[in-house]
């Protein structure tokens, strides 16, 4: 997988890199229990690269909706 660099961190949102869809979506689910999140509904794949990426947006300052 491609490394995450400063350009990625400067953009709003969080990019999750995982081995498969199930793992990426499980990580997103864990984050949603800790902070407010606008979840992604699918992952993306780079041709010729292993694994998947999922981009979601979260706000660590807000509690999740109960």
PDB file of N, CA and C in Angstrom:
ATOM      1  N   UNK A   1       0.828  -1.174   0.000  1.00  0.00           N
ATOM      2  CA  UNK A   1       0.000   0.000   0.000  1.00  0.00           C
ATOM      3  C   UNK A   1       0.871   1.235   0.000  1.00  0.00           C
ATOM      4  N   UNK A   2       0.322   2.309  -0.557  1.00  0.00           N
ATOM      5  CA  UNK A   2       1.057   3.563  -0.597  1.00  0.00           C
ATOM      6  C   UNK A   2       1.141   4.154   0.805  1.00  0.00           C
ATOM      7  N   UNK A   3       2.267   4.799   1.152  1.00  0.00           N
ATOM      8  CA  UNK A   3       2.373   5.414   2.474  1.00  0.00           C
ATOM      9  C   UNK A   3       1.465   6.632   2.595  1.00  0.00           C
ATOM     10  N   UNK A   4       1.040   6.916   3.806  1.00  0.00           N
ATOM     11  CA  UNK A   4       0.255   8.115   4.075  1.00  0.00           C
ATOM     12  C   UNK A   4       1.245   9.221   4.415  1.00  0.00           C
ATOM     13  N   UNK A   5       1.181  10.352   3.716  1.00  0.00           N
ATOM     14  CA  UNK A   5       2.135  11.429   3.933  1.00  0.00           C
ATOM     15  C   UNK A   5       1.431  12.696   4.411  1.00  0.00           C
ATOM     16  N   UNK A   6       2.190  13.796   4.555  1.00  0.00           N
ATOM     17  CA  UNK A   6       1.635  15.044   5.080  1.00  0.00           C
ATOM     18  C   UNK A   6       0.500  15.591   4.228  1.00  0.00           C
ATOM     19  N   UNK A   7       0.533  15.391   2.935  1.00  0.00           N
ATOM     20  CA  UNK A   7      -0.539  15.872   2.066  1.00  0.00           C
ATOM     21  C   UNK A   7      -1.864  15.197   2.420  1.00  0.00           C
ATOM     22  N   UNK A   8      -1.810  13.919   2.778  1.00  0.00           N
ATOM     23  CA  UNK A   8      -3.035  13.218   3.173  1.00  0.00           C
ATOM     24  C   UNK A   8      -3.573  13.769   4.483  1.00  0.00           C
ATOM     25  N   UNK A   9      -2.702  14.030   5.431  1.00  0.00           N
ATOM     26  CA  UNK A   9      -3.107  14.494   6.747  1.00  0.00           C
ATOM     27  C   UNK A   9      -3.677  15.904   6.671  1.00  0.00           C
ATOM     28  N   UNK A  10      -3.203  16.723   5.735  1.00  0.00           N
ATOM     29  CA  UNK A  10      -3.656  18.104   5.607  1.00  0.00           C
ATOM     30  C   UNK A  10      -5.103  18.194   5.120  1.00  0.00           C
ATOM     31  N   UNK A  11      -5.608  17.176   4.456  1.00  0.00           N
ATOM     32  CA  UNK A  11      -6.981  17.179   3.956  1.00  0.00           C
ATOM     33  C   UNK A  11      -7.929  16.710   5.054  1.00  0.00           C
ATOM     34  N   UNK A  12      -9.168  17.255   5.060  1.00  0.00           N
ATOM     35  CA  UNK A  12     -10.123  16.788   6.067  1.00  0.00           C
ATOM     36  C   UNK A  12     -10.482  15.326   5.822  1.00  0.00           C
ATOM     37  N   UNK A  13     -10.751  14.636   6.873  1.00  0.00           N
ATOM     38  CA  UNK A  13     -11.142  13.241   6.740  1.00  0.00           C
ATOM     39  C   UNK A  13     -10.051  12.297   7.188  1.00  0.00           C
ATOM     40  N   UNK A  14     -10.366  11.045   7.150  1.00  0.00           N
ATOM     41  CA  UNK A  14      -9.446  10.007   7.587  1.00  0.00           C
ATOM     42  C   UNK A  14      -9.445   8.923   6.531  1.00  0.00           C
ATOM     43  N   UNK A  15      -8.263   8.502   6.125  1.00  0.00           N
ATOM     44  CA  UNK A  15      -8.166   7.410   5.169  1.00  0.00           C
ATOM     45  C   UNK A  15      -7.703   6.166   5.913  1.00  0.00           C
ATOM     46  N   UNK A  16      -8.508   5.130   5.833  1.00  0.00           N
ATOM     47  CA  UNK A  16      -8.202   3.856   6.479  1.00  0.00           C
ATOM     48  C   UNK A  16      -7.655   2.921   5.411  1.00  0.00           C
ATOM     49  N   UNK A  17      -6.486   2.356   5.648  1.00  0.00           N
ATOM     50  CA  UNK A  17      -5.909   1.354   4.755  1.00  0.00           C
ATOM     51  C   UNK A  17      -6.018   0.009   5.451  1.00  0.00           C
ATOM     52  N   UNK A  18      -6.552  -0.981   4.740  1.00  0.00           N
ATOM     53  CA  UNK A  18      -6.754  -2.298   5.330  1.00  0.00           C
ATOM     54  C   UNK A  18      -6.553  -3.384   4.279  1.00  0.00           C
ATOM     55  N   UNK A  19      -6.464  -4.602   4.743  1.00  0.00           N
ATOM     56  CA  UNK A  19      -6.253  -5.731   3.839  1.00  0.00           C
ATOM     57  C   UNK A  19      -7.503  -6.062   3.019  1.00  0.00           C
ATOM     58  N   UNK A  20      -8.693  -5.817   3.593  1.00  0.00           N
ATOM     59  CA  UNK A  20      -9.927  -6.175   2.892  1.00  0.00           C
ATOM     60  C   UNK A  20     -11.080  -5.270   3.327  1.00  0.00           C
ATOM     61  N   UNK A  21     -12.196  -5.362   2.600  1.00  0.00           N
ATOM     62  CA  UNK A  21     -13.376  -4.533   2.881  1.00  0.00           C
ATOM     63  C   UNK A  21     -13.878  -4.734   4.301  1.00  0.00           C
ATOM     64  N   UNK A  22     -13.981  -5.967   4.727  1.00  0.00           N
ATOM     65  CA  UNK A  22     -14.516  -6.290   6.054  1.00  0.00           C
ATOM     66  C   UNK A  22     -13.712  -5.596   7.160  1.00  0.00           C
ATOM     67  N   UNK A  23     -12.406  -5.625   7.062  1.00  0.00           N
ATOM     68  CA  UNK A  23     -11.555  -4.994   8.076  1.00  0.00           C
ATOM     69  C   UNK A  23     -11.711  -3.481   8.068  1.00  0.00           C
ATOM     70  N   UNK A  24     -11.707  -2.861   6.886  1.00  0.00           N
ATOM     71  CA  UNK A  24     -11.850  -1.408   6.783  1.00  0.00           C
ATOM     72  C   UNK A  24     -13.183  -0.944   7.373  1.00  0.00           C
ATOM     73  N   UNK A  25     -14.261  -1.646   7.058  1.00  0.00           N
ATOM     74  CA  UNK A  25     -15.576  -1.272   7.576  1.00  0.00           C
ATOM     75  C   UNK A  25     -15.679  -1.522   9.081  1.00  0.00           C
ATOM     76  N   UNK A  26     -14.993  -2.537   9.594  1.00  0.00           N
ATOM     77  CA  UNK A  26     -14.985  -2.799  11.035  1.00  0.00           C
ATOM     78  C   UNK A  26     -14.252  -1.680  11.788  1.00  0.00           C
ATOM     79  N   UNK A  27     -13.158  -1.185  11.226  1.00  0.00           N
ATOM     80  CA  UNK A  27     -12.431  -0.073  11.845  1.00  0.00           C
ATOM     81  C   UNK A  27     -13.317   1.167  11.875  1.00  0.00           C
ATOM     82  N   UNK A  28     -13.993   1.433  10.782  1.00  0.00           N
ATOM     83  CA  UNK A  28     -14.909   2.573  10.722  1.00  0.00           C
ATOM     84  C   UNK A  28     -15.995   2.445  11.791  1.00  0.00           C
ATOM     85  N   UNK A  29     -16.517   1.259  11.975  1.00  0.00           N
ATOM     86  CA  UNK A  29     -17.550   1.015  12.984  1.00  0.00           C
ATOM     87  C   UNK A  29     -17.018   1.288  14.400  1.00  0.00           C
ATOM     88  N   UNK A  30     -15.803   0.870  14.671  1.00  0.00           N
ATOM     89  CA  UNK A  30     -15.191   1.141  15.978  1.00  0.00           C
ATOM     90  C   UNK A  30     -15.031   2.645  16.209  1.00  0.00           C
ATOM     91  N   UNK A  31     -14.624   3.380  15.173  1.00  0.00           N
ATOM     92  CA  UNK A  31     -14.474   4.833  15.302  1.00  0.00           C
ATOM     93  C   UNK A  31     -15.812   5.508  15.562  1.00  0.00           C
ATOM     94  N   UNK A  32     -16.879   5.001  14.950  1.00  0.00           N
ATOM     95  CA  UNK A  32     -18.191   5.627  15.108  1.00  0.00           C
ATOM     96  C   UNK A  32     -18.721   5.515  16.534  1.00  0.00           C
ATOM     97  N   UNK A  33     -18.191   4.588  17.313  1.00  0.00           N
ATOM     98  CA  UNK A  33     -18.597   4.452  18.715  1.00  0.00           C
ATOM     99  C   UNK A  33     -17.894   5.483  19.604  1.00  0.00           C
ATOM    100  N   UNK A  34     -16.853   6.134  19.090  1.00  0.00           N
ATOM    101  CA  UNK A  34     -16.037   7.059  19.885  1.00  0.00           C
ATOM    102  C   UNK A  34     -16.205   8.525  19.515  1.00  0.00           C
ATOM    103  N   UNK A  35     -16.613   8.809  18.274  1.00  0.00           N
ATOM    104  CA  UNK A  35     -16.730  10.208  17.844  1.00  0.00           C
ATOM    105  C   UNK A  35     -17.783  10.322  16.743  1.00  0.00           C
ATOM    106  N   UNK A  36     -18.169  11.565  16.449  1.00  0.00           N
ATOM    107  CA  UNK A  36     -19.128  11.810  15.366  1.00  0.00           C
ATOM    108  C   UNK A  36     -18.445  11.484  14.041  1.00  0.00           C
ATOM    109  N   UNK A  37     -19.163  10.802  13.156  1.00  0.00           N
ATOM    110  CA  UNK A  37     -18.549  10.348  11.909  1.00  0.00           C
ATOM    111  C   UNK A  37     -19.563  10.406  10.768  1.00  0.00           C
ATOM    112  N   UNK A  38     -19.076  10.762   9.597  1.00  0.00           N
ATOM    113  CA  UNK A  38     -19.843  10.645   8.361  1.00  0.00           C
ATOM    114  C   UNK A  38     -19.249   9.439   7.647  1.00  0.00           C
ATOM    115  N   UNK A  39     -19.874   8.281   7.786  1.00  0.00           N
ATOM    116  CA  UNK A  39     -19.262   7.050   7.292  1.00  0.00           C
ATOM    117  C   UNK A  39     -19.272   6.925   5.769  1.00  0.00           C
ATOM    118  N   UNK A  40     -18.318   6.165   5.284  1.00  0.00           N
ATOM    119  CA  UNK A  40     -18.254   5.810   3.867  1.00  0.00           C
ATOM    120  C   UNK A  40     -19.023   4.507   3.689  1.00  0.00           C
ATOM    121  N   UNK A  41     -19.601   4.309   2.535  1.00  0.00           N
ATOM    122  CA  UNK A  41     -20.365   3.087   2.306  1.00  0.00           C
ATOM    123  C   UNK A  41     -19.620   2.053   1.459  1.00  0.00           C
ATOM    124  N   UNK A  42     -18.435   2.437   0.955  1.00  0.00           N
ATOM    125  CA  UNK A  42     -17.650   1.474   0.161  1.00  0.00           C
ATOM    126  C   UNK A  42     -16.171   1.823   0.222  1.00  0.00           C
ATOM    127  N   UNK A  43     -15.364   0.864  -0.118  1.00  0.00           N
ATOM    128  CA  UNK A  43     -13.918   1.044  -0.152  1.00  0.00           C
ATOM    129  C   UNK A  43     -13.470   1.263  -1.597  1.00  0.00           C
ATOM    130  N   UNK A  44     -12.218   1.657  -1.760  1.00  0.00           N
ATOM    131  CA  UNK A  44     -11.635   1.796  -3.098  1.00  0.00           C
ATOM    132  C   UNK A  44     -10.384   0.931  -3.183  1.00  0.00           C
ATOM    133  N   UNK A  45     -10.046   0.555  -4.382  1.00  0.00           N
ATOM    134  CA  UNK A  45      -8.849  -0.255  -4.636  1.00  0.00           C
ATOM    135  C   UNK A  45      -8.015   0.431  -5.710  1.00  0.00           C
ATOM    136  N   UNK A  46      -6.710   0.409  -5.536  1.00  0.00           N
ATOM    137  CA  UNK A  46      -5.779   0.900  -6.547  1.00  0.00           C
ATOM    138  C   UNK A  46      -5.356  -0.302  -7.394  1.00  0.00           C
ATOM    139  N   UNK A  47      -5.531  -0.244  -8.701  1.00  0.00           N
ATOM    140  CA  UNK A  47      -5.105  -1.359  -9.545  1.00  0.00           C
ATOM    141  C   UNK A  47      -3.627  -1.690  -9.331  1.00  0.00           C
ATOM    142  N   UNK A  48      -3.351  -2.951  -9.129  1.00  0.00           N
ATOM    143  CA  UNK A  48      -1.982  -3.418  -8.936  1.00  0.00           C
ATOM    144  C   UNK A  48      -1.453  -3.270  -7.522  1.00  0.00           C
ATOM    145  N   UNK A  49      -2.234  -2.652  -6.626  1.00  0.00           N
ATOM    146  CA  UNK A  49      -1.818  -2.468  -5.232  1.00  0.00           C
ATOM    147  C   UNK A  49      -2.633  -3.408  -4.337  1.00  0.00           C
ATOM    148  N   UNK A  50      -2.012  -3.970  -3.305  1.00  0.00           N
ATOM    149  CA  UNK A  50      -2.772  -4.834  -2.394  1.00  0.00           C
ATOM    150  C   UNK A  50      -3.648  -4.002  -1.452  1.00  0.00           C
ATOM    151  N   UNK A  51      -4.703  -4.602  -0.966  1.00  0.00           N
ATOM    152  CA  UNK A  51      -5.533  -3.966   0.047  1.00  0.00           C
ATOM    153  C   UNK A  51      -6.552  -2.980  -0.489  1.00  0.00           C
ATOM    154  N   UNK A  52      -7.251  -2.348   0.444  1.00  0.00           N
ATOM    155  CA  UNK A  52      -8.297  -1.390   0.124  1.00  0.00           C
ATOM    156  C   UNK A  52      -8.103  -0.122   0.957  1.00  0.00           C
ATOM    157  N   UNK A  53      -8.778   0.931   0.547  1.00  0.00           N
ATOM    158  CA  UNK A  53      -8.784   2.189   1.311  1.00  0.00           C
ATOM    159  C   UNK A  53     -10.219   2.635   1.476  1.00  0.00           C
ATOM    160  N   UNK A  54     -10.457   3.279   2.607  1.00  0.00           N
ATOM    161  CA  UNK A  54     -11.788   3.794   2.913  1.00  0.00           C
ATOM    162  C   UNK A  54     -11.585   5.201   3.475  1.00  0.00           C
ATOM    163  N   UNK A  55     -12.298   6.178   2.943  1.00  0.00           N
ATOM    164  CA  UNK A  55     -12.161   7.557   3.422  1.00  0.00           C
ATOM    165  C   UNK A  55     -13.457   7.956   4.118  1.00  0.00           C
ATOM    166  N   UNK A  56     -13.332   8.338   5.376  1.00  0.00           N
ATOM    167  CA  UNK A  56     -14.491   8.799   6.140  1.00  0.00           C
ATOM    168  C   UNK A  56     -14.131  10.123   6.803  1.00  0.00           C
ATOM    169  N   UNK A  57     -15.134  10.817   7.273  1.00  0.00           N
ATOM    170  CA  UNK A  57     -14.938  12.114   7.909  1.00  0.00           C
ATOM    171  C   UNK A  57     -15.406  12.021   9.344  1.00  0.00           C
ATOM    172  N   UNK A  58     -14.555  12.460  10.274  1.00  0.00           N
ATOM    173  CA  UNK A  58     -14.920  12.373  11.679  1.00  0.00           C
ATOM    174  C   UNK A  58     -14.553  13.641  12.408  1.00  0.00           C
ATOM    175  N   UNK A  59     -15.243  13.875  13.505  1.00  0.00           N
ATOM    176  CA  UNK A  59     -15.000  15.036  14.351  1.00  0.00           C
ATOM    177  C   UNK A  59     -14.745  14.530  15.757  1.00  0.00           C
ATOM    178  N   UNK A  60     -13.491  14.580  16.178  1.00  0.00           N
ATOM    179  CA  UNK A  60     -13.109  14.067  17.490  1.00  0.00           C
ATOM    180  C   UNK A  60     -13.673  14.914  18.625  1.00  0.00           C
ATOM    181  N   UNK A  61     -14.136  16.127  18.316  1.00  0.00           N
ATOM    182  CA  UNK A  61     -14.653  17.020  19.353  1.00  0.00           C
ATOM    183  C   UNK A  61     -16.109  16.723  19.701  1.00  0.00           C
ATOM    184  N   UNK A  62     -16.804  15.978  18.861  1.00  0.00           N
ATOM    185  CA  UNK A  62     -18.217  15.696  19.092  1.00  0.00           C
ATOM    186  C   UNK A  62     -18.434  14.255  19.525  1.00  0.00           C
ATOM    187  N   UNK A  63     -19.395  14.071  20.401  1.00  0.00           N
ATOM    188  CA  UNK A  63     -19.798  12.718  20.801  1.00  0.00           C
ATOM    189  C   UNK A  63     -20.648  12.118  19.684  1.00  0.00           C
ATOM    190  N   UNK A  64     -20.621  10.803  19.524  1.00  0.00           N
ATOM    191  CA  UNK A  64     -21.481  10.181  18.506  1.00  0.00           C
ATOM    192  C   UNK A  64     -22.946  10.349  18.893  1.00  0.00           C
ATOM    193  N   UNK A  65     -23.824  10.327  17.880  1.00  0.00           N
ATOM    194  CA  UNK A  65     -25.266  10.353  18.145  1.00  0.00           C
ATOM    195  C   UNK A  65     -25.660   9.097  18.866  1.00  0.00           C
ATOM    196  N   UNK A  66     -26.462   9.237  19.876  1.00  0.00           N
ATOM    197  CA  UNK A  66     -26.894   8.054  20.652  1.00  0.00           C
ATOM    198  C   UNK A  66     -28.092   7.398  20.053  1.00  0.00           C
TER     199      UNK A  66
END
